[in-house]
Amino acid sequence: SQTYTRTVTNVGEAMSTYRVEIVSPR
């Protein structure tokens, strides 16, 4: 297995909640 880190910056609404949706490769 492989693990990677990503960092996102909020440029939208100040108070916001994001939930992840995953479509995994076969």
PDB file of all heavy atoms in Angstrom:
ATOM      1  N   SER A   1       0.843  -1.201   0.000  1.00  0.00           N
ATOM      2  CA  SER A   1       0.000   0.000   0.000  1.00  0.00           C
ATOM      3  C   SER A   1       0.873   1.244   0.000  1.00  0.00           C
ATOM      4  O   SER A   1       2.054   1.200   0.376  1.00  0.00           O
ATOM      5  CB  SER A   1      -0.918  -0.001   1.223  1.00  0.00           C
ATOM      6  OG  SER A   1      -0.151   0.046   2.423  1.00  0.00           O
ATOM      7  N   GLN A   2       0.296   2.345  -0.428  1.00  0.00           N
ATOM      8  CA  GLN A   2       1.007   3.623  -0.491  1.00  0.00           C
ATOM      9  C   GLN A   2       0.128   4.705   0.129  1.00  0.00           C
ATOM     10  O   GLN A   2      -1.077   4.733  -0.096  1.00  0.00           O
ATOM     11  CB  GLN A   2       1.349   3.989  -1.934  1.00  0.00           C
ATOM     12  CG  GLN A   2       2.229   2.983  -2.648  1.00  0.00           C
ATOM     13  CD  GLN A   2       2.480   3.355  -4.094  1.00  0.00           C
ATOM     14  OE1 GLN A   2       2.419   4.514  -4.474  1.00  0.00           O
ATOM     15  NE2 GLN A   2       2.757   2.346  -4.921  1.00  0.00           N
ATOM     16  N   THR A   3       0.755   5.612   0.894  1.00  0.00           N
ATOM     17  CA  THR A   3       0.025   6.697   1.551  1.00  0.00           C
ATOM     18  C   THR A   3       0.649   8.031   1.199  1.00  0.00           C
ATOM     19  O   THR A   3       1.884   8.181   1.231  1.00  0.00           O
ATOM     20  CB  THR A   3       0.025   6.510   3.078  1.00  0.00           C
ATOM     21  OG1 THR A   3      -0.608   5.265   3.407  1.00  0.00           O
ATOM     22  CG2 THR A   3      -0.731   7.641   3.759  1.00  0.00           C
ATOM     23  N   TYR A   4      -0.194   8.983   0.857  1.00  0.00           N
ATOM     24  CA  TYR A   4       0.267  10.321   0.498  1.00  0.00           C
ATOM     25  C   TYR A   4      -0.553  11.369   1.241  1.00  0.00           C
ATOM     26  O   TYR A   4      -1.700  11.128   1.629  1.00  0.00           O
ATOM     27  CB  TYR A   4       0.153  10.538  -1.015  1.00  0.00           C
ATOM     28  CG  TYR A   4       0.959   9.562  -1.814  1.00  0.00           C
ATOM     29  CD1 TYR A   4       0.361   8.435  -2.396  1.00  0.00           C
ATOM     30  CD2 TYR A   4       2.331   9.721  -1.963  1.00  0.00           C
ATOM     31  CE1 TYR A   4       1.106   7.521  -3.101  1.00  0.00           C
ATOM     32  CE2 TYR A   4       3.087   8.803  -2.668  1.00  0.00           C
ATOM     33  CZ  TYR A   4       2.473   7.708  -3.237  1.00  0.00           C
ATOM     34  OH  TYR A   4       3.223   6.804  -3.937  1.00  0.00           O
ATOM     35  N   THR A   5       0.055  12.536   1.422  1.00  0.00           N
ATOM     36  CA  THR A   5      -0.589  13.641   2.131  1.00  0.00           C
ATOM     37  C   THR A   5      -0.866  14.780   1.166  1.00  0.00           C
ATOM     38  O   THR A   5      -0.055  15.075   0.289  1.00  0.00           O
ATOM     39  CB  THR A   5       0.299  14.156   3.275  1.00  0.00           C
ATOM     40  OG1 THR A   5       0.574  13.082   4.177  1.00  0.00           O
ATOM     41  CG2 THR A   5      -0.395  15.282   4.039  1.00  0.00           C
ATOM     42  N   ARG A   6      -2.025  15.392   1.325  1.00  0.00           N
ATOM     43  CA  ARG A   6      -2.374  16.579   0.557  1.00  0.00           C
ATOM     44  C   ARG A   6      -2.856  17.671   1.513  1.00  0.00           C
ATOM     45  O   ARG A   6      -3.465  17.379   2.549  1.00  0.00           O
ATOM     46  CB  ARG A   6      -3.479  16.280  -0.465  1.00  0.00           C
ATOM     47  CG  ARG A   6      -3.053  15.409  -1.634  1.00  0.00           C
ATOM     48  CD  ARG A   6      -2.112  16.163  -2.552  1.00  0.00           C
ATOM     49  NE  ARG A   6      -1.854  15.433  -3.791  1.00  0.00           N
ATOM     50  CZ  ARG A   6      -0.890  14.535  -3.956  1.00  0.00           C
ATOM     51  NH1 ARG A   6      -0.106  14.232  -2.920  1.00  0.00           N
ATOM     52  NH2 ARG A   6      -0.709  13.942  -5.124  1.00  0.00           N
ATOM     53  N   THR A   7      -2.587  18.920   1.140  1.00  0.00           N
ATOM     54  CA  THR A   7      -3.027  20.071   1.917  1.00  0.00           C
ATOM     55  C   THR A   7      -3.854  20.985   1.030  1.00  0.00           C
ATOM     56  O   THR A   7      -3.411  21.353  -0.065  1.00  0.00           O
ATOM     57  CB  THR A   7      -1.832  20.855   2.488  1.00  0.00           C
ATOM     58  OG1 THR A   7      -1.062  19.991   3.340  1.00  0.00           O
ATOM     59  CG2 THR A   7      -2.302  22.060   3.297  1.00  0.00           C
ATOM     60  N   VAL A   8      -5.054  21.319   1.491  1.00  0.00           N
ATOM     61  CA  VAL A   8      -5.942  22.196   0.731  1.00  0.00           C
ATOM     62  C   VAL A   8      -6.095  23.525   1.463  1.00  0.00           C
ATOM     63  O   VAL A   8      -6.016  23.589   2.689  1.00  0.00           O
ATOM     64  CB  VAL A   8      -7.331  21.548   0.504  1.00  0.00           C
ATOM     65  CG1 VAL A   8      -7.242  20.416  -0.483  1.00  0.00           C
ATOM     66  CG2 VAL A   8      -7.927  21.072   1.823  1.00  0.00           C
ATOM     67  N   THR A   9      -6.310  24.572   0.687  1.00  0.00           N
ATOM     68  CA  THR A   9      -6.493  25.921   1.221  1.00  0.00           C
ATOM     69  C   THR A   9      -7.910  26.381   0.910  1.00  0.00           C
ATOM     70  O   THR A   9      -8.362  26.272  -0.237  1.00  0.00           O
ATOM     71  CB  THR A   9      -5.485  26.903   0.603  1.00  0.00           C
ATOM     72  OG1 THR A   9      -4.158  26.421   0.833  1.00  0.00           O
ATOM     73  CG2 THR A   9      -5.635  28.292   1.218  1.00  0.00           C
ATOM     74  N   ASN A  10      -8.595  26.899   1.910  1.00  0.00           N
ATOM     75  CA  ASN A  10      -9.976  27.338   1.739  1.00  0.00           C
ATOM     76  C   ASN A  10     -10.022  28.713   1.072  1.00  0.00           C
ATOM     77  O   ASN A  10      -9.602  29.712   1.653  1.00  0.00           O
ATOM     78  CB  ASN A  10     -10.674  27.399   3.105  1.00  0.00           C
ATOM     79  CG  ASN A  10     -12.118  27.845   2.990  1.00  0.00           C
ATOM     80  OD1 ASN A  10     -12.742  27.688   1.939  1.00  0.00           O
ATOM     81  ND2 ASN A  10     -12.661  28.392   4.068  1.00  0.00           N
ATOM     82  N   VAL A  11     -10.518  28.772  -0.152  1.00  0.00           N
ATOM     83  CA  VAL A  11     -10.686  30.047  -0.864  1.00  0.00           C
ATOM     84  C   VAL A  11     -12.162  30.298  -1.164  1.00  0.00           C
ATOM     85  O   VAL A  11     -12.504  31.174  -1.957  1.00  0.00           O
ATOM     86  CB  VAL A  11      -9.857  30.071  -2.170  1.00  0.00           C
ATOM     87  CG1 VAL A  11      -8.367  30.005  -1.867  1.00  0.00           C
ATOM     88  CG2 VAL A  11     -10.274  28.935  -3.104  1.00  0.00           C
ATOM     89  N   GLY A  12     -13.021  29.502  -0.541  1.00  0.00           N
ATOM     90  CA  GLY A  12     -14.463  29.654  -0.727  1.00  0.00           C
ATOM     91  C   GLY A  12     -15.078  30.390   0.445  1.00  0.00           C
ATOM     92  O   GLY A  12     -14.577  31.426   0.890  1.00  0.00           O
ATOM     93  N   GLU A  13     -16.146  29.829   0.993  1.00  0.00           N
ATOM     94  CA  GLU A  13     -16.800  30.441   2.139  1.00  0.00           C
ATOM     95  C   GLU A  13     -16.002  30.175   3.416  1.00  0.00           C
ATOM     96  O   GLU A  13     -15.468  29.083   3.609  1.00  0.00           O
ATOM     97  CB  GLU A  13     -18.212  29.890   2.281  1.00  0.00           C
ATOM     98  CG  GLU A  13     -19.107  30.211   1.090  1.00  0.00           C
ATOM     99  CD  GLU A  13     -20.423  29.444   1.133  1.00  0.00           C
ATOM    100  OE1 GLU A  13     -20.395  28.222   1.392  1.00  0.00           O
ATOM    101  OE2 GLU A  13     -21.461  30.074   0.914  1.00  0.00           O
ATOM    102  N   ALA A  14     -15.925  31.191   4.292  1.00  0.00           N
ATOM    103  CA  ALA A  14     -15.121  31.072   5.515  1.00  0.00           C
ATOM    104  C   ALA A  14     -15.574  29.889   6.358  1.00  0.00           C
ATOM    105  O   ALA A  14     -14.768  29.024   6.725  1.00  0.00           O
ATOM    106  CB  ALA A  14     -15.198  32.370   6.313  1.00  0.00           C
ATOM    107  N   MET A  15     -16.866  29.839   6.686  1.00  0.00           N
ATOM    108  CA  MET A  15     -17.422  28.731   7.459  1.00  0.00           C
ATOM    109  C   MET A  15     -17.952  27.680   6.490  1.00  0.00           C
ATOM    110  O   MET A  15     -18.993  27.874   5.863  1.00  0.00           O
ATOM    111  CB  MET A  15     -18.545  29.226   8.377  1.00  0.00           C
ATOM    112  CG  MET A  15     -18.098  30.282   9.378  1.00  0.00           C
ATOM    113  SD  MET A  15     -17.021  29.607  10.665  1.00  0.00           S
ATOM    114  CE  MET A  15     -18.158  28.506  11.499  1.00  0.00           C
ATOM    115  N   SER A  16     -17.234  26.600   6.338  1.00  0.00           N
ATOM    116  CA  SER A  16     -17.652  25.587   5.374  1.00  0.00           C
ATOM    117  C   SER A  16     -17.181  24.207   5.819  1.00  0.00           C
ATOM    118  O   SER A  16     -16.142  24.070   6.477  1.00  0.00           O
ATOM    119  CB  SER A  16     -17.113  25.907   3.972  1.00  0.00           C
ATOM    120  OG  SER A  16     -15.709  26.089   4.010  1.00  0.00           O
ATOM    121  N   THR A  17     -17.959  23.201   5.453  1.00  0.00           N
ATOM    122  CA  THR A  17     -17.638  21.816   5.770  1.00  0.00           C
ATOM    123  C   THR A  17     -17.613  21.002   4.483  1.00  0.00           C
ATOM    124  O   THR A  17     -18.554  21.060   3.682  1.00  0.00           O
ATOM    125  CB  THR A  17     -18.670  21.222   6.740  1.00  0.00           C
ATOM    126  OG1 THR A  17     -18.665  21.972   7.962  1.00  0.00           O
ATOM    127  CG2 THR A  17     -18.349  19.764   7.044  1.00  0.00           C
ATOM    128  N   TYR A  18     -16.549  20.248   4.299  1.00  0.00           N
ATOM    129  CA  TYR A  18     -16.393  19.411   3.105  1.00  0.00           C
ATOM    130  C   TYR A  18     -16.354  17.940   3.523  1.00  0.00           C
ATOM    131  O   TYR A  18     -15.668  17.570   4.472  1.00  0.00           O
ATOM    132  CB  TYR A  18     -15.106  19.759   2.348  1.00  0.00           C
ATOM    133  CG  TYR A  18     -15.155  21.074   1.626  1.00  0.00           C
ATOM    134  CD1 TYR A  18     -14.922  22.267   2.301  1.00  0.00           C
ATOM    135  CD2 TYR A  18     -15.424  21.129   0.258  1.00  0.00           C
ATOM    136  CE1 TYR A  18     -14.961  23.492   1.624  1.00  0.00           C
ATOM    137  CE2 TYR A  18     -15.459  22.332  -0.418  1.00  0.00           C
ATOM    138  CZ  TYR A  18     -15.229  23.507   0.270  1.00  0.00           C
ATOM    139  OH  TYR A  18     -15.274  24.717  -0.396  1.00  0.00           O
ATOM    140  N   ARG A  19     -17.089  17.136   2.785  1.00  0.00           N
ATOM    141  CA  ARG A  19     -17.082  15.690   2.993  1.00  0.00           C
ATOM    142  C   ARG A  19     -16.532  14.999   1.756  1.00  0.00           C
ATOM    143  O   ARG A  19     -16.816  15.407   0.637  1.00  0.00           O
ATOM    144  CB  ARG A  19     -18.502  15.190   3.302  1.00  0.00           C
ATOM    145  CG  ARG A  19     -19.004  15.629   4.676  1.00  0.00           C
ATOM    146  CD  ARG A  19     -20.448  15.236   4.909  1.00  0.00           C
ATOM    147  NE  ARG A  19     -20.846  15.452   6.298  1.00  0.00           N
ATOM    148  CZ  ARG A  19     -21.174  16.635   6.802  1.00  0.00           C
ATOM    149  NH1 ARG A  19     -21.166  17.704   6.022  1.00  0.00           N
ATOM    150  NH2 ARG A  19     -21.507  16.743   8.083  1.00  0.00           N
ATOM    151  N   VAL A  20     -15.775  13.956   1.981  1.00  0.00           N
ATOM    152  CA  VAL A  20     -15.113  13.296   0.868  1.00  0.00           C
ATOM    153  C   VAL A  20     -16.032  12.277   0.214  1.00  0.00           C
ATOM    154  O   VAL A  20     -16.824  11.598   0.882  1.00  0.00           O
ATOM    155  CB  VAL A  20     -13.797  12.620   1.327  1.00  0.00           C
ATOM    156  CG1 VAL A  20     -14.068  11.380   2.157  1.00  0.00           C
ATOM    157  CG2 VAL A  20     -12.920  12.283   0.135  1.00  0.00           C
ATOM    158  N   GLU A  21     -15.969  12.223  -1.091  1.00  0.00           N
ATOM    159  CA  GLU A  21     -16.647  11.197  -1.888  1.00  0.00           C
ATOM    160  C   GLU A  21     -15.584  10.503  -2.724  1.00  0.00           C
ATOM    161  O   GLU A  21     -14.758  11.170  -3.351  1.00  0.00           O
ATOM    162  CB  GLU A  21     -17.700  11.835  -2.792  1.00  0.00           C
ATOM    163  CG  GLU A  21     -18.352  10.882  -3.763  1.00  0.00           C
ATOM    164  CD  GLU A  21     -19.223  11.591  -4.779  1.00  0.00           C
ATOM    165  OE1 GLU A  21     -19.724  12.684  -4.485  1.00  0.00           O
ATOM    166  OE2 GLU A  21     -19.385  11.040  -5.893  1.00  0.00           O
ATOM    167  N   ILE A  22     -15.596   9.188  -2.722  1.00  0.00           N
ATOM    168  CA  ILE A  22     -14.542   8.432  -3.398  1.00  0.00           C
ATOM    169  C   ILE A  22     -15.142   7.523  -4.461  1.00  0.00           C
ATOM    170  O   ILE A  22     -16.078   6.764  -4.188  1.00  0.00           O
ATOM    171  CB  ILE A  22     -13.733   7.582  -2.399  1.00  0.00           C
ATOM    172  CG1 ILE A  22     -13.109   8.470  -1.315  1.00  0.00           C
ATOM    173  CG2 ILE A  22     -12.655   6.780  -3.122  1.00  0.00           C
ATOM    174  CD1 ILE A  22     -12.492   7.677  -0.179  1.00  0.00           C
ATOM    175  N   VAL A  23     -14.625   7.624  -5.669  1.00  0.00           N
ATOM    176  CA  VAL A  23     -14.907   6.649  -6.721  1.00  0.00           C
ATOM    177  C   VAL A  23     -13.588   5.916  -6.968  1.00  0.00           C
ATOM    178  O   VAL A  23     -12.698   6.426  -7.655  1.00  0.00           O
ATOM    179  CB  VAL A  23     -15.435   7.312  -8.005  1.00  0.00           C
ATOM    180  CG1 VAL A  23     -15.589   6.278  -9.108  1.00  0.00           C
ATOM    181  CG2 VAL A  23     -16.759   8.010  -7.740  1.00  0.00           C
ATOM    182  N   SER A  24     -13.448   4.753  -6.348  1.00  0.00           N
ATOM    183  CA  SER A  24     -12.179   4.036  -6.384  1.00  0.00           C
ATOM    184  C   SER A  24     -11.929   3.421  -7.747  1.00  0.00           C
ATOM    185  O   SER A  24     -12.863   2.908  -8.386  1.00  0.00           O
ATOM    186  CB  SER A  24     -12.162   2.928  -5.325  1.00  0.00           C
ATOM    187  OG  SER A  24     -12.272   3.461  -4.027  1.00  0.00           O
ATOM    188  N   PRO A  25     -10.689   3.462  -8.204  1.00  0.00           N
ATOM    189  CA  PRO A  25     -10.354   2.717  -9.423  1.00  0.00           C
ATOM    190  C   PRO A  25     -10.618   1.227  -9.213  1.00  0.00           C
ATOM    191  O   PRO A  25     -10.580   0.722  -8.083  1.00  0.00           O
ATOM    192  CB  PRO A  25      -8.852   2.993  -9.608  1.00  0.00           C
ATOM    193  CG  PRO A  25      -8.593   4.237  -8.823  1.00  0.00           C
ATOM    194  CD  PRO A  25      -9.539   4.192  -7.665  1.00  0.00           C
ATOM    195  N   ARG A  26     -10.909   0.535 -10.269  1.00  0.00           N
ATOM    196  CA  ARG A  26     -11.183  -0.899 -10.187  1.00  0.00           C
ATOM    197  C   ARG A  26     -10.003  -1.645  -9.587  1.00  0.00           C
ATOM    198  O   ARG A  26      -8.856  -1.372  -9.913  1.00  0.00           O
ATOM    199  CB  ARG A  26     -11.492  -1.435 -11.593  1.00  0.00           C
ATOM    200  CG  ARG A  26     -12.058  -2.831 -11.634  1.00  0.00           C
ATOM    201  CD  ARG A  26     -12.607  -3.130 -13.031  1.00  0.00           C
ATOM    202  NE  ARG A  26     -11.592  -2.945 -14.049  1.00  0.00           N
ATOM    203  CZ  ARG A  26     -10.730  -3.901 -14.406  1.00  0.00           C
ATOM    204  NH1 ARG A  26     -10.768  -5.091 -13.831  1.00  0.00           N
ATOM    205  NH2 ARG A  26      -9.835  -3.667 -15.344  1.00  0.00           N
TER     206      ARG A  26
END
